[in-house]
């Protein structure tokens, strides 16, 4: 009877050992999966960080080009303002010349009439 009790105790310990071994295997697999996931995520993170750095560099280049374009636009804006001033001055000069021509035309007409009256 003692032998049977020992055998039952042995079977119980053996069963517990099998359960523990099975749990250990499951935990080992889970641990390995987590390790693999972390490794994969670390690789993805490195890749994303490289992409981010490349994007930052590209943004810096674009900002530089944009700054250059803004300077160019400022220069063009200044040129346009100067050209408008010149155009305004030219229009005023043309208006003066047109007024002078009209005045001369009136004088010519007056001279014509005098000549016609004298003939």
PDB file of N, CA and C in Angstrom:
ATOM      1  N   UNK A   1       0.804  -1.175   0.000  1.00  0.00           N
ATOM      2  CA  UNK A   1       0.000   0.000   0.000  1.00  0.00           C
ATOM      3  C   UNK A   1       0.862   1.261   0.000  1.00  0.00           C
ATOM      4  N   UNK A   2       1.906   1.181   0.743  1.00  0.00           N
ATOM      5  CA  UNK A   2       2.835   2.283   0.755  1.00  0.00           C
ATOM      6  C   UNK A   2       3.433   2.466  -0.635  1.00  0.00           C
ATOM      7  N   UNK A   3       3.658   1.360  -1.253  1.00  0.00           N
ATOM      8  CA  UNK A   3       4.230   1.403  -2.582  1.00  0.00           C
ATOM      9  C   UNK A   3       3.251   2.065  -3.552  1.00  0.00           C
ATOM     10  N   UNK A   4       1.998   1.777  -3.433  1.00  0.00           N
ATOM     11  CA  UNK A   4       0.988   2.380  -4.292  1.00  0.00           C
ATOM     12  C   UNK A   4       0.884   3.877  -4.036  1.00  0.00           C
ATOM     13  N   UNK A   5       0.973   4.234  -2.776  1.00  0.00           N
ATOM     14  CA  UNK A   5       0.907   5.650  -2.423  1.00  0.00           C
ATOM     15  C   UNK A   5       2.118   6.369  -3.004  1.00  0.00           C
ATOM     16  N   UNK A   6       3.267   5.720  -2.938  1.00  0.00           N
ATOM     17  CA  UNK A   6       4.475   6.326  -3.488  1.00  0.00           C
ATOM     18  C   UNK A   6       4.365   6.425  -5.013  1.00  0.00           C
ATOM     19  N   UNK A   7       3.762   5.372  -5.607  1.00  0.00           N
ATOM     20  CA  UNK A   7       3.598   5.382  -7.055  1.00  0.00           C
ATOM     21  C   UNK A   7       2.652   6.506  -7.458  1.00  0.00           C
ATOM     22  N   UNK A   8       1.587   6.692  -6.708  1.00  0.00           N
ATOM     23  CA  UNK A   8       0.632   7.772  -6.976  1.00  0.00           C
ATOM     24  C   UNK A   8       1.305   9.130  -6.782  1.00  0.00           C
ATOM     25  N   UNK A   9       2.088   9.221  -5.747  1.00  0.00           N
ATOM     26  CA  UNK A   9       2.821  10.457  -5.483  1.00  0.00           C
ATOM     27  C   UNK A   9       3.805  10.720  -6.619  1.00  0.00           C
ATOM     28  N   UNK A  10       4.477   9.656  -7.072  1.00  0.00           N
ATOM     29  CA  UNK A  10       5.419   9.773  -8.185  1.00  0.00           C
ATOM     30  C   UNK A  10       4.693  10.229  -9.449  1.00  0.00           C
ATOM     31  N   UNK A  11       3.511   9.653  -9.753  1.00  0.00           N
ATOM     32  CA  UNK A  11       2.731  10.020 -10.930  1.00  0.00           C
ATOM     33  C   UNK A  11       2.276  11.479 -10.835  1.00  0.00           C
ATOM     34  N   UNK A  12       1.899  11.870  -9.622  1.00  0.00           N
ATOM     35  CA  UNK A  12       1.464  13.247  -9.416  1.00  0.00           C
ATOM     36  C   UNK A  12       2.614  14.218  -9.662  1.00  0.00           C
ATOM     37  N   UNK A  13       3.779  13.878  -9.130  1.00  0.00           N
ATOM     38  CA  UNK A  13       4.955  14.723  -9.332  1.00  0.00           C
ATOM     39  C   UNK A  13       5.327  14.732 -10.803  1.00  0.00           C
ATOM     40  N   UNK A  14       5.224  13.557 -11.441  1.00  0.00           N
ATOM     41  CA  UNK A  14       5.544  13.455 -12.865  1.00  0.00           C
ATOM     42  C   UNK A  14       4.584  14.310 -13.687  1.00  0.00           C
ATOM     43  N   UNK A  15       3.312  14.253 -13.355  1.00  0.00           N
ATOM     44  CA  UNK A  15       2.305  15.078 -14.047  1.00  0.00           C
ATOM     45  C   UNK A  15       2.601  16.562 -13.853  1.00  0.00           C
ATOM     46  N   UNK A  16       2.927  16.915 -12.609  1.00  0.00           N
ATOM     47  CA  UNK A  16       3.251  18.321 -12.345  1.00  0.00           C
ATOM     48  C   UNK A  16       4.494  18.741 -13.131  1.00  0.00           C
ATOM     49  N   UNK A  17       5.454  17.852 -13.201  1.00  0.00           N
ATOM     50  CA  UNK A  17       6.678  18.129 -13.946  1.00  0.00           C
ATOM     51  C   UNK A  17       6.368  18.302 -15.437  1.00  0.00           C
ATOM     52  N   UNK A  18       5.467  17.467 -15.976  1.00  0.00           N
ATOM     53  CA  UNK A  18       5.083  17.588 -17.381  1.00  0.00           C
ATOM     54  C   UNK A  18       4.358  18.913 -17.618  1.00  0.00           C
ATOM     55  N   UNK A  19       3.485  19.287 -16.676  1.00  0.00           N
ATOM     56  CA  UNK A  19       2.770  20.571 -16.807  1.00  0.00           C
ATOM     57  C   UNK A  19       3.777  21.717 -16.789  1.00  0.00           C
ATOM     58  N   UNK A  20       4.712  21.640 -15.853  1.00  0.00           N
ATOM     59  CA  UNK A  20       5.725  22.694 -15.755  1.00  0.00           C
ATOM     60  C   UNK A  20       6.573  22.731 -17.025  1.00  0.00           C
ATOM     61  N   UNK A  21       6.937  21.569 -17.552  1.00  0.00           N
ATOM     62  CA  UNK A  21       7.740  21.498 -18.781  1.00  0.00           C
ATOM     63  C   UNK A  21       6.954  22.094 -19.951  1.00  0.00           C
ATOM     64  N   UNK A  22       5.674  21.758 -20.040  1.00  0.00           N
ATOM     65  CA  UNK A  22       4.828  22.300 -21.107  1.00  0.00           C
ATOM     66  C   UNK A  22       4.720  23.817 -20.975  1.00  0.00           C
ATOM     67  N   UNK A  23       4.483  24.290 -19.748  1.00  0.00           N
ATOM     68  CA  UNK A  23       4.402  25.730 -19.528  1.00  0.00           C
ATOM     69  C   UNK A  23       5.714  26.417 -19.887  1.00  0.00           C
ATOM     70  N   UNK A  24       6.823  25.759 -19.530  1.00  0.00           N
ATOM     71  CA  UNK A  24       8.141  26.315 -19.847  1.00  0.00           C
ATOM     72  C   UNK A  24       8.310  26.440 -21.357  1.00  0.00           C
ATOM     73  N   UNK A  25       7.881  25.432 -22.098  1.00  0.00           N
ATOM     74  CA  UNK A  25       7.988  25.467 -23.555  1.00  0.00           C
ATOM     75  C   UNK A  25       7.133  26.593 -24.126  1.00  0.00           C
ATOM     76  N   UNK A  26       5.902  26.722 -23.592  1.00  0.00           N
ATOM     77  CA  UNK A  26       4.999  27.790 -24.065  1.00  0.00           C
ATOM     78  C   UNK A  26       5.619  29.154 -23.762  1.00  0.00           C
ATOM     79  N   UNK A  27       6.120  29.317 -22.534  1.00  0.00           N
ATOM     80  CA  UNK A  27       6.745  30.582 -22.156  1.00  0.00           C
ATOM     81  C   UNK A  27       7.983  30.858 -23.005  1.00  0.00           C
ATOM     82  N   UNK A  28       8.763  29.808 -23.296  1.00  0.00           N
ATOM     83  CA  UNK A  28       9.955  29.971 -24.127  1.00  0.00           C
ATOM     84  C   UNK A  28       9.571  30.413 -25.541  1.00  0.00           C
ATOM     85  N   UNK A  29       8.515  29.803 -26.087  1.00  0.00           N
ATOM     86  CA  UNK A  29       8.048  30.195 -27.417  1.00  0.00           C
ATOM     87  C   UNK A  29       7.553  31.634 -27.401  1.00  0.00           C
ATOM     88  N   UNK A  30       6.758  31.973 -26.371  1.00  0.00           N
ATOM     89  CA  UNK A  30       6.255  33.352 -26.259  1.00  0.00           C
ATOM     90  C   UNK A  30       7.403  34.341 -26.130  1.00  0.00           C
ATOM     91  N   UNK A  31       8.392  33.966 -25.291  1.00  0.00           N
ATOM     92  CA  UNK A  31       9.542  34.833 -25.096  1.00  0.00           C
ATOM     93  C   UNK A  31      10.291  35.029 -26.404  1.00  0.00           C
ATOM     94  N   UNK A  32      10.485  33.932 -27.158  1.00  0.00           N
ATOM     95  CA  UNK A  32      11.192  34.021 -28.436  1.00  0.00           C
ATOM     96  C   UNK A  32      10.398  34.875 -29.430  1.00  0.00           C
ATOM     97  N   UNK A  33       9.067  34.720 -29.444  1.00  0.00           N
ATOM     98  CA  UNK A  33       8.236  35.531 -30.339  1.00  0.00           C
ATOM     99  C   UNK A  33       8.351  37.005 -29.982  1.00  0.00           C
ATOM    100  N   UNK A  34       8.312  37.298 -28.690  1.00  0.00           N
ATOM    101  CA  UNK A  34       8.459  38.695 -28.255  1.00  0.00           C
ATOM    102  C   UNK A  34       9.828  39.240 -28.631  1.00  0.00           C
ATOM    103  N   UNK A  35      10.860  38.425 -28.460  1.00  0.00           N
ATOM    104  CA  UNK A  35      12.214  38.843 -28.829  1.00  0.00           C
ATOM    105  C   UNK A  35      12.275  39.118 -30.337  1.00  0.00           C
ATOM    106  N   UNK A  36      11.690  38.222 -31.141  1.00  0.00           N
ATOM    107  CA  UNK A  36      11.668  38.414 -32.589  1.00  0.00           C
ATOM    108  C   UNK A  36      10.889  39.675 -32.956  1.00  0.00           C
ATOM    109  N   UNK A  37       9.734  39.866 -32.297  1.00  0.00           N
ATOM    110  CA  UNK A  37       8.933  41.061 -32.557  1.00  0.00           C
ATOM    111  C   UNK A  37       9.712  42.326 -32.217  1.00  0.00           C
ATOM    112  N   UNK A  38      10.387  42.309 -31.077  1.00  0.00           N
ATOM    113  CA  UNK A  38      11.183  43.478 -30.679  1.00  0.00           C
ATOM    114  C   UNK A  38      12.297  43.734 -31.686  1.00  0.00           C
ATOM    115  N   UNK A  39      12.932  42.671 -32.127  1.00  0.00           N
ATOM    116  CA  UNK A  39      14.010  42.814 -33.105  1.00  0.00           C
ATOM    117  C   UNK A  39      13.463  43.387 -34.420  1.00  0.00           C
ATOM    118  N   UNK A  40      12.334  42.853 -34.865  1.00  0.00           N
ATOM    119  CA  UNK A  40      11.706  43.344 -36.099  1.00  0.00           C
ATOM    120  C   UNK A  40      11.297  44.806 -35.936  1.00  0.00           C
ATOM    121  N   UNK A  41      10.688  45.128 -34.800  1.00  0.00           N
ATOM    122  CA  UNK A  41      10.265  46.505 -34.555  1.00  0.00           C
ATOM    123  C   UNK A  41      11.467  47.448 -34.456  1.00  0.00           C
ATOM    124  N   UNK A  42      12.545  46.967 -33.869  1.00  0.00           N
ATOM    125  CA  UNK A  42      13.756  47.789 -33.792  1.00  0.00           C
ATOM    126  C   UNK A  42      14.276  48.074 -35.198  1.00  0.00           C
ATOM    127  N   UNK A  43      14.252  47.053 -36.057  1.00  0.00           N
ATOM    128  CA  UNK A  43      14.672  47.248 -37.446  1.00  0.00           C
ATOM    129  C   UNK A  43      13.770  48.232 -38.166  1.00  0.00           C
ATOM    130  N   UNK A  44      12.453  48.091 -37.960  1.00  0.00           N
ATOM    131  CA  UNK A  44      11.506  49.024 -38.567  1.00  0.00           C
ATOM    132  C   UNK A  44      11.729  50.432 -38.033  1.00  0.00           C
ATOM    133  N   UNK A  45      11.993  50.525 -36.736  1.00  0.00           N
ATOM    134  CA  UNK A  45      12.234  51.825 -36.124  1.00  0.00           C
ATOM    135  C   UNK A  45      13.469  52.488 -36.728  1.00  0.00           C
ATOM    136  N   UNK A  46      14.529  51.701 -36.925  1.00  0.00           N
ATOM    137  CA  UNK A  46      15.747  52.238 -37.537  1.00  0.00           C
ATOM    138  C   UNK A  46      15.438  52.733 -38.949  1.00  0.00           C
ATOM    139  N   UNK A  47      14.683  51.918 -39.687  1.00  0.00           N
ATOM    140  CA  UNK A  47      14.311  52.304 -41.056  1.00  0.00           C
ATOM    141  C   UNK A  47      13.489  53.595 -41.039  1.00  0.00           C
ATOM    142  N   UNK A  48      12.529  53.690 -40.134  1.00  0.00           N
ATOM    143  CA  UNK A  48      11.697  54.887 -40.049  1.00  0.00           C
ATOM    144  C   UNK A  48      12.519  56.109 -39.634  1.00  0.00           C
ATOM    145  N   UNK A  49      13.470  55.905 -38.746  1.00  0.00           N
ATOM    146  CA  UNK A  49      14.332  57.015 -38.328  1.00  0.00           C
ATOM    147  C   UNK A  49      15.194  57.492 -39.499  1.00  0.00           C
ATOM    148  N   UNK A  50      15.667  56.555 -40.311  1.00  0.00           N
ATOM    149  CA  UNK A  50      16.446  56.922 -41.499  1.00  0.00           C
ATOM    150  C   UNK A  50      15.577  57.702 -42.478  1.00  0.00           C
ATOM    151  N   UNK A  51      14.326  57.237 -42.664  1.00  0.00           N
ATOM    152  CA  UNK A  51      13.401  57.955 -43.542  1.00  0.00           C
ATOM    153  C   UNK A  51      13.119  59.354 -43.006  1.00  0.00           C
ATOM    154  N   UNK A  52      12.938  59.446 -41.692  1.00  0.00           N
ATOM    155  CA  UNK A  52      12.686  60.741 -41.070  1.00  0.00           C
ATOM    156  C   UNK A  52      13.857  61.682 -41.283  1.00  0.00           C
ATOM    157  N   UNK A  53      15.056  61.186 -41.104  1.00  0.00           N
ATOM    158  CA  UNK A  53      16.256  62.018 -41.297  1.00  0.00           C
ATOM    159  C   UNK A  53      16.357  62.460 -42.750  1.00  0.00           C
ATOM    160  N   UNK A  54      16.092  61.544 -43.679  1.00  0.00           N
ATOM    161  CA  UNK A  54      16.132  61.900 -45.105  1.00  0.00           C
ATOM    162  C   UNK A  54      15.074  62.955 -45.413  1.00  0.00           C
ATOM    163  N   UNK A  55      13.908  62.804 -44.827  1.00  0.00           N
ATOM    164  CA  UNK A  55      12.827  63.775 -45.040  1.00  0.00           C
ATOM    165  C   UNK A  55      13.203  65.130 -44.446  1.00  0.00           C
ATOM    166  N   UNK A  56      13.845  65.121 -43.278  1.00  0.00           N
ATOM    167  CA  UNK A  56      14.295  66.383 -42.676  1.00  0.00           C
ATOM    168  C   UNK A  56      15.304  67.079 -43.583  1.00  0.00           C
ATOM    169  N   UNK A  57      16.231  66.293 -44.137  1.00  0.00           N
ATOM    170  CA  UNK A  57      17.233  66.876 -45.034  1.00  0.00           C
ATOM    171  C   UNK A  57      16.574  67.434 -46.289  1.00  0.00           C
ATOM    172  N   UNK A  58      15.615  66.693 -46.819  1.00  0.00           N
ATOM    173  CA  UNK A  58      14.898  67.160 -48.002  1.00  0.00           C
ATOM    174  C   UNK A  58      14.127  68.445 -47.685  1.00  0.00           C
ATOM    175  N   UNK A  59      13.526  68.482 -46.507  1.00  0.00           N
ATOM    176  CA  UNK A  59      12.799  69.681 -46.083  1.00  0.00           C
ATOM    177  C   UNK A  59      13.744  70.868 -45.968  1.00  0.00           C
ATOM    178  N   UNK A  60      14.934  70.637 -45.434  1.00  0.00           N
ATOM    179  CA  UNK A  60      15.914  71.719 -45.321  1.00  0.00           C
ATOM    180  C   UNK A  60      16.290  72.250 -46.702  1.00  0.00           C
ATOM    181  N   UNK A  61      16.457  71.336 -47.659  1.00  0.00           N
ATOM    182  CA  UNK A  61      16.781  71.752 -49.028  1.00  0.00           C
ATOM    183  C   UNK A  61      15.628  72.562 -49.618  1.00  0.00           C
ATOM    184  N   UNK A  62      14.407  72.076 -49.411  1.00  0.00           N
ATOM    185  CA  UNK A  62      13.229  72.776 -49.938  1.00  0.00           C
ATOM    186  C   UNK A  62      13.095  74.153 -49.286  1.00  0.00           C
ATOM    187  N   UNK A  63      13.331  74.219 -47.977  1.00  0.00           N
ATOM    188  CA  UNK A  63      13.273  75.519 -47.290  1.00  0.00           C
ATOM    189  C   UNK A  63      14.319  76.466 -47.858  1.00  0.00           C
ATOM    190  N   UNK A  64      15.506  75.945 -48.124  1.00  0.00           N
ATOM    191  CA  UNK A  64      16.555  76.774 -48.720  1.00  0.00           C
ATOM    192  C   UNK A  64      16.133  77.299 -50.081  1.00  0.00           C
ATOM    193  N   UNK A  65      15.578  76.404 -50.900  1.00  0.00           N
ATOM    194  CA  UNK A  65      15.107  76.830 -52.221  1.00  0.00           C
ATOM    195  C   UNK A  65      13.981  77.844 -52.098  1.00  0.00           C
ATOM    196  N   UNK A  66      13.101  77.604 -51.139  1.00  0.00           N
ATOM    197  CA  UNK A  66      11.989  78.531 -50.918  1.00  0.00           C
ATOM    198  C   UNK A  66      12.514  79.894 -50.487  1.00  0.00           C
ATOM    199  N   UNK A  67      13.526  79.900 -49.622  1.00  0.00           N
ATOM    200  CA  UNK A  67      14.138  81.162 -49.213  1.00  0.00           C
ATOM    201  C   UNK A  67      14.742  81.889 -50.410  1.00  0.00           C
ATOM    202  N   UNK A  68      15.417  81.128 -51.271  1.00  0.00           N
ATOM    203  CA  UNK A  68      15.991  81.723 -52.481  1.00  0.00           C
ATOM    204  C   UNK A  68      14.897  82.301 -53.372  1.00  0.00           C
ATOM    205  N   UNK A  69      13.816  81.551 -53.515  1.00  0.00           N
ATOM    206  CA  UNK A  69      12.692  82.023 -54.346  1.00  0.00           C
ATOM    207  C   UNK A  69      12.060  83.268 -53.738  1.00  0.00           C
ATOM    208  N   UNK A  70      11.964  83.302 -52.400  1.00  0.00           N
ATOM    209  CA  UNK A  70      11.401  84.489 -51.752  1.00  0.00           C
ATOM    210  C   UNK A  70      12.281  85.710 -52.000  1.00  0.00           C
ATOM    211  N   UNK A  71      13.610  85.523 -51.925  1.00  0.00           N
ATOM    212  CA  UNK A  71      14.528  86.627 -52.211  1.00  0.00           C
ATOM    213  C   UNK A  71      14.369  87.083 -53.649  1.00  0.00           C
ATOM    214  N   UNK A  72      14.265  86.095 -54.543  1.00  0.00           N
ATOM    215  CA  UNK A  72      14.080  86.414 -55.956  1.00  0.00           C
ATOM    216  C   UNK A  72      12.782  87.182 -56.163  1.00  0.00           C
ATOM    217  N   UNK A  73      11.725  86.726 -55.490  1.00  0.00           N
ATOM    218  CA  UNK A  73      10.423  87.400 -55.598  1.00  0.00           C
ATOM    219  C   UNK A  73      10.502  88.820 -55.047  1.00  0.00           C
ATOM    220  N   UNK A  74      11.230  89.000 -53.939  1.00  0.00           N
ATOM    221  CA  UNK A  74      11.405  90.346 -53.394  1.00  0.00           C
ATOM    222  C   UNK A  74      12.111  91.240 -54.397  1.00  0.00           C
ATOM    223  N   UNK A  75      13.146  90.701 -55.045  1.00  0.00           N
ATOM    224  CA  UNK A  75      13.853  91.462 -56.069  1.00  0.00           C
ATOM    225  C   UNK A  75      12.937  91.811 -57.234  1.00  0.00           C
ATOM    226  N   UNK A  76      12.154  90.843 -57.675  1.00  0.00           N
ATOM    227  CA  UNK A  76      11.214  91.088 -58.777  1.00  0.00           C
ATOM    228  C   UNK A  76      10.150  92.101 -58.371  1.00  0.00           C
ATOM    229  N   UNK A  77       9.718  92.016 -57.115  1.00  0.00           N
ATOM    230  CA  UNK A  77       8.714  92.953 -56.604  1.00  0.00           C
ATOM    231  C   UNK A  77       9.284  94.383 -56.625  1.00  0.00           C
ATOM    232  N   UNK A  78      10.550  94.513 -56.222  1.00  0.00           N
ATOM    233  CA  UNK A  78      11.206  95.820 -56.238  1.00  0.00           C
ATOM    234  C   UNK A  78      11.331  96.323 -57.674  1.00  0.00           C
ATOM    235  N   UNK A  79      11.754  95.439 -58.579  1.00  0.00           N
ATOM    236  CA  UNK A  79      11.861  95.813 -59.990  1.00  0.00           C
ATOM    237  C   UNK A  79      10.511  96.253 -60.537  1.00  0.00           C
ATOM    238  N   UNK A  80       9.460  95.524 -60.165  1.00  0.00           N
ATOM    239  CA  UNK A  80       8.116  95.869 -60.637  1.00  0.00           C
ATOM    240  C   UNK A  80       7.706  97.245 -60.135  1.00  0.00           C
ATOM    241  N   UNK A  81       7.988  97.512 -58.866  1.00  0.00           N
ATOM    242  CA  UNK A  81       7.630  98.829 -58.321  1.00  0.00           C
ATOM    243  C   UNK A  81       8.384  99.932 -59.058  1.00  0.00           C
ATOM    244  N   UNK A  82       9.677  99.702 -59.329  1.00  0.00           N
ATOM    245  CA  UNK A  82      10.464 100.687 -60.070  1.00  0.00           C
ATOM    246  C   UNK A  82       9.934 100.858 -61.483  1.00  0.00           C
ATOM    247  N   UNK A  83       9.566  99.737 -62.116  1.00  0.00           N
ATOM    248  CA  UNK A  83       9.022  99.792 -63.477  1.00  0.00           C
ATOM    249  C   UNK A  83       7.694 100.543 -63.487  1.00  0.00           C
ATOM    250  N   UNK A  84       6.873 100.333 -62.451  1.00  0.00           N
ATOM    251  CA  UNK A  84       5.592 101.070 -62.366  1.00  0.00           C
ATOM    252  C   UNK A  84       5.833 102.567 -62.211  1.00  0.00           C
ATOM    253  N   UNK A  85       6.837 102.912 -61.411  1.00  0.00           N
ATOM    254  CA  UNK A  85       7.166 104.330 -61.252  1.00  0.00           C
ATOM    255  C   UNK A  85       7.609 104.917 -62.582  1.00  0.00           C
ATOM    256  N   UNK A  86       8.484 104.165 -63.291  1.00  0.00           N
ATOM    257  CA  UNK A  86       8.944 104.622 -64.599  1.00  0.00           C
ATOM    258  C   UNK A  86       7.780 104.745 -65.573  1.00  0.00           C
ATOM    259  N   UNK A  87       6.871 103.770 -65.535  1.00  0.00           N
ATOM    260  CA  UNK A  87       5.706 103.803 -66.412  1.00  0.00           C
ATOM    261  C   UNK A  87       4.835 105.013 -66.090  1.00  0.00           C
ATOM    262  N   UNK A  88       4.636 105.268 -64.817  1.00  0.00           N
ATOM    263  CA  UNK A  88       3.824 106.419 -64.411  1.00  0.00           C
ATOM    264  C   UNK A  88       4.465 107.718 -64.886  1.00  0.00           C
ATOM    265  N   UNK A  89       5.794 107.806 -64.712  1.00  0.00           N
ATOM    266  CA  UNK A  89       6.501 109.004 -65.162  1.00  0.00           C
ATOM    267  C   UNK A  89       6.385 109.138 -66.682  1.00  0.00           C
ATOM    268  N   UNK A  90       6.512 108.012 -67.405  1.00  0.00           N
ATOM    269  CA  UNK A  90       6.406 108.037 -68.866  1.00  0.00           C
ATOM    270  C   UNK A  90       4.993 108.436 -69.285  1.00  0.00           C
ATOM    271  N   UNK A  91       3.990 107.925 -68.575  1.00  0.00           N
ATOM    272  CA  UNK A  91       2.607 108.297 -68.902  1.00  0.00           C
ATOM    273  C   UNK A  91       2.382 109.786 -68.678  1.00  0.00           C
ATOM    274  N   UNK A  92       2.960 110.302 -67.589  1.00  0.00           N
ATOM    275  CA  UNK A  92       2.840 111.744 -67.333  1.00  0.00           C
ATOM    276  C   UNK A  92       3.527 112.531 -68.436  1.00  0.00           C
ATOM    277  N   UNK A  93       4.711 112.061 -68.828  1.00  0.00           N
ATOM    278  CA  UNK A  93       5.457 112.734 -69.897  1.00  0.00           C
ATOM    279  C   UNK A  93       4.670 112.677 -71.199  1.00  0.00           C
ATOM    280  N   UNK A  94       4.065 111.526 -71.474  1.00  0.00           N
ATOM    281  CA  UNK A  94       3.247 111.388 -72.694  1.00  0.00           C
ATOM    282  C   UNK A  94       2.056 112.337 -72.629  1.00  0.00           C
ATOM    283  N   UNK A  95       1.431 112.422 -71.459  1.00  0.00           N
ATOM    284  CA  UNK A  95       0.284 113.317 -71.310  1.00  0.00           C
ATOM    285  C   UNK A  95       0.714 114.762 -71.572  1.00  0.00           C
ATOM    286  N   UNK A  96       1.898 115.130 -71.063  1.00  0.00           N
ATOM    287  CA  UNK A  96       2.418 116.486 -71.305  1.00  0.00           C
ATOM    288  C   UNK A  96       2.659 116.682 -72.797  1.00  0.00           C
ATOM    289  N   UNK A  97       3.295 115.698 -73.450  1.00  0.00           N
ATOM    290  CA  UNK A  97       3.585 115.796 -74.889  1.00  0.00           C
ATOM    291  C   UNK A  97       2.296 115.874 -75.692  1.00  0.00           C
ATOM    292  N   UNK A  98       1.287 115.075 -75.305  1.00  0.00           N
ATOM    293  CA  UNK A  98       0.006 115.111 -76.008  1.00  0.00           C
ATOM    294  C   UNK A  98      -0.620 116.491 -75.853  1.00  0.00           C
ATOM    295  N   UNK A  99      -0.544 117.046 -74.659  1.00  0.00           N
ATOM    296  CA  UNK A  99      -1.091 118.389 -74.424  1.00  0.00           C
ATOM    297  C   UNK A  99      -0.341 119.419 -75.270  1.00  0.00           C
ATOM    298  N   UNK A 100       1.000 119.260 -75.359  1.00  0.00           N
ATOM    299  CA  UNK A 100       1.789 120.180 -76.177  1.00  0.00           C
ATOM    300  C   UNK A 100       1.407 120.059 -77.646  1.00  0.00           C
ATOM    301  N   UNK A 101       1.247 118.803 -78.110  1.00  0.00           N
ATOM    302  CA  UNK A 101       0.865 118.589 -79.512  1.00  0.00           C
ATOM    303  C   UNK A 101      -0.498 119.226 -79.779  1.00  0.00           C
ATOM    304  N   UNK A 102      -1.425 119.060 -78.857  1.00  0.00           N
ATOM    305  CA  UNK A 102      -2.754 119.667 -79.038  1.00  0.00           C
ATOM    306  C   UNK A 102      -2.634 121.182 -79.075  1.00  0.00           C
ATOM    307  N   UNK A 103      -1.786 121.716 -78.226  1.00  0.00           N
ATOM    308  CA  UNK A 103      -1.571 123.169 -78.205  1.00  0.00           C
ATOM    309  C   UNK A 103      -0.978 123.623 -79.527  1.00  0.00           C
ATOM    310  N   UNK A 104       0.039 122.842 -80.025  1.00  0.00           N
ATOM    311  CA  UNK A 104       0.653 123.185 -81.307  1.00  0.00           C
ATOM    312  C   UNK A 104      -0.368 123.086 -82.431  1.00  0.00           C
ATOM    313  N   UNK A 105      -1.246 122.072 -82.365  1.00  0.00           N
ATOM    314  CA  UNK A 105      -2.278 121.912 -83.384  1.00  0.00           C
ATOM    315  C   UNK A 105      -3.212 123.126 -83.380  1.00  0.00           C
ATOM    316  N   UNK A 106      -3.533 123.593 -82.200  1.00  0.00           N
ATOM    317  CA  UNK A 106      -4.404 124.785 -82.103  1.00  0.00           C
ATOM    318  C   UNK A 106      -3.696 125.993 -82.716  1.00  0.00           C
ATOM    319  N   UNK A 107      -2.385 126.097 -82.400  1.00  0.00           N
ATOM    320  CA  UNK A 107      -1.622 127.221 -82.963  1.00  0.00           C
ATOM    321  C   UNK A 107      -1.557 127.112 -84.475  1.00  0.00           C
ATOM    322  N   UNK A 108      -1.337 125.890 -85.000  1.00  0.00           N
ATOM    323  CA  UNK A 108      -1.282 125.677 -86.445  1.00  0.00           C
ATOM    324  C   UNK A 108      -2.620 126.044 -87.069  1.00  0.00           C
ATOM    325  N   UNK A 109      -3.698 125.628 -86.447  1.00  0.00           N
ATOM    326  CA  UNK A 109      -5.032 125.950 -86.966  1.00  0.00           C
ATOM    327  C   UNK A 109      -5.234 127.466 -86.971  1.00  0.00           C
ATOM    328  N   UNK A 110      -4.768 128.102 -85.902  1.00  0.00           N
ATOM    329  CA  UNK A 110      -4.909 129.568 -85.830  1.00  0.00           C
ATOM    330  C   UNK A 110      -4.095 130.224 -86.947  1.00  0.00           C
ATOM    331  N   UNK A 111      -2.854 129.728 -87.189  1.00  0.00           N
ATOM    332  CA  UNK A 111      -2.023 130.278 -88.257  1.00  0.00           C
ATOM    333  C   UNK A 111      -2.673 130.037 -89.627  1.00  0.00           C
ATOM    334  N   UNK A 112      -3.263 128.864 -89.789  1.00  0.00           N
ATOM    335  CA  UNK A 112      -3.937 128.531 -91.051  1.00  0.00           C
ATOM    336  C   UNK A 112      -5.076 129.531 -91.304  1.00  0.00           C
ATOM    337  N   UNK A 113      -5.811 129.754 -90.252  1.00  0.00           N
ATOM    338  CA  UNK A 113      -6.942 130.676 -90.413  1.00  0.00           C
ATOM    339  C   UNK A 113      -6.441 132.089 -90.728  1.00  0.00           C
ATOM    340  N   UNK A 114      -5.373 132.507 -90.104  1.00  0.00           N
ATOM    341  CA  UNK A 114      -4.809 133.827 -90.392  1.00  0.00           C
ATOM    342  C   UNK A 114      -4.331 133.879 -91.835  1.00  0.00           C
ATOM    343  N   UNK A 115      -3.671 132.794 -92.259  1.00  0.00           N
ATOM    344  CA  UNK A 115      -3.164 132.766 -93.645  1.00  0.00           C
ATOM    345  C   UNK A 115      -4.337 132.791 -94.597  1.00  0.00           C
ATOM    346  N   UNK A 116      -5.364 132.055 -94.330  1.00  0.00           N
ATOM    347  CA  UNK A 116      -6.532 132.031 -95.209  1.00  0.00           C
ATOM    348  C   UNK A 116      -7.218 133.397 -95.232  1.00  0.00           C
ATOM    349  N   UNK A 117      -7.247 134.057 -94.098  1.00  0.00           N
ATOM    350  CA  UNK A 117      -7.880 135.382 -94.037  1.00  0.00           C
ATOM    351  C   UNK A 117      -7.025 136.402 -94.773  1.00  0.00           C
ATOM    352  N   UNK A 118      -5.743 136.263 -94.726  1.00  0.00           N
ATOM    353  CA  UNK A 118      -4.831 137.221 -95.405  1.00  0.00           C
ATOM    354  C   UNK A 118      -4.810 136.980 -96.905  1.00  0.00           C
ATOM    355  N   UNK A 119      -5.203 135.851 -97.325  1.00  0.00           N
ATOM    356  CA  UNK A 119      -5.197 135.590 -98.783  1.00  0.00           C
ATOM    357  C   UNK A 119      -6.484 136.009 -99.310  1.00  0.00           C
TER     358      UNK A 119
END
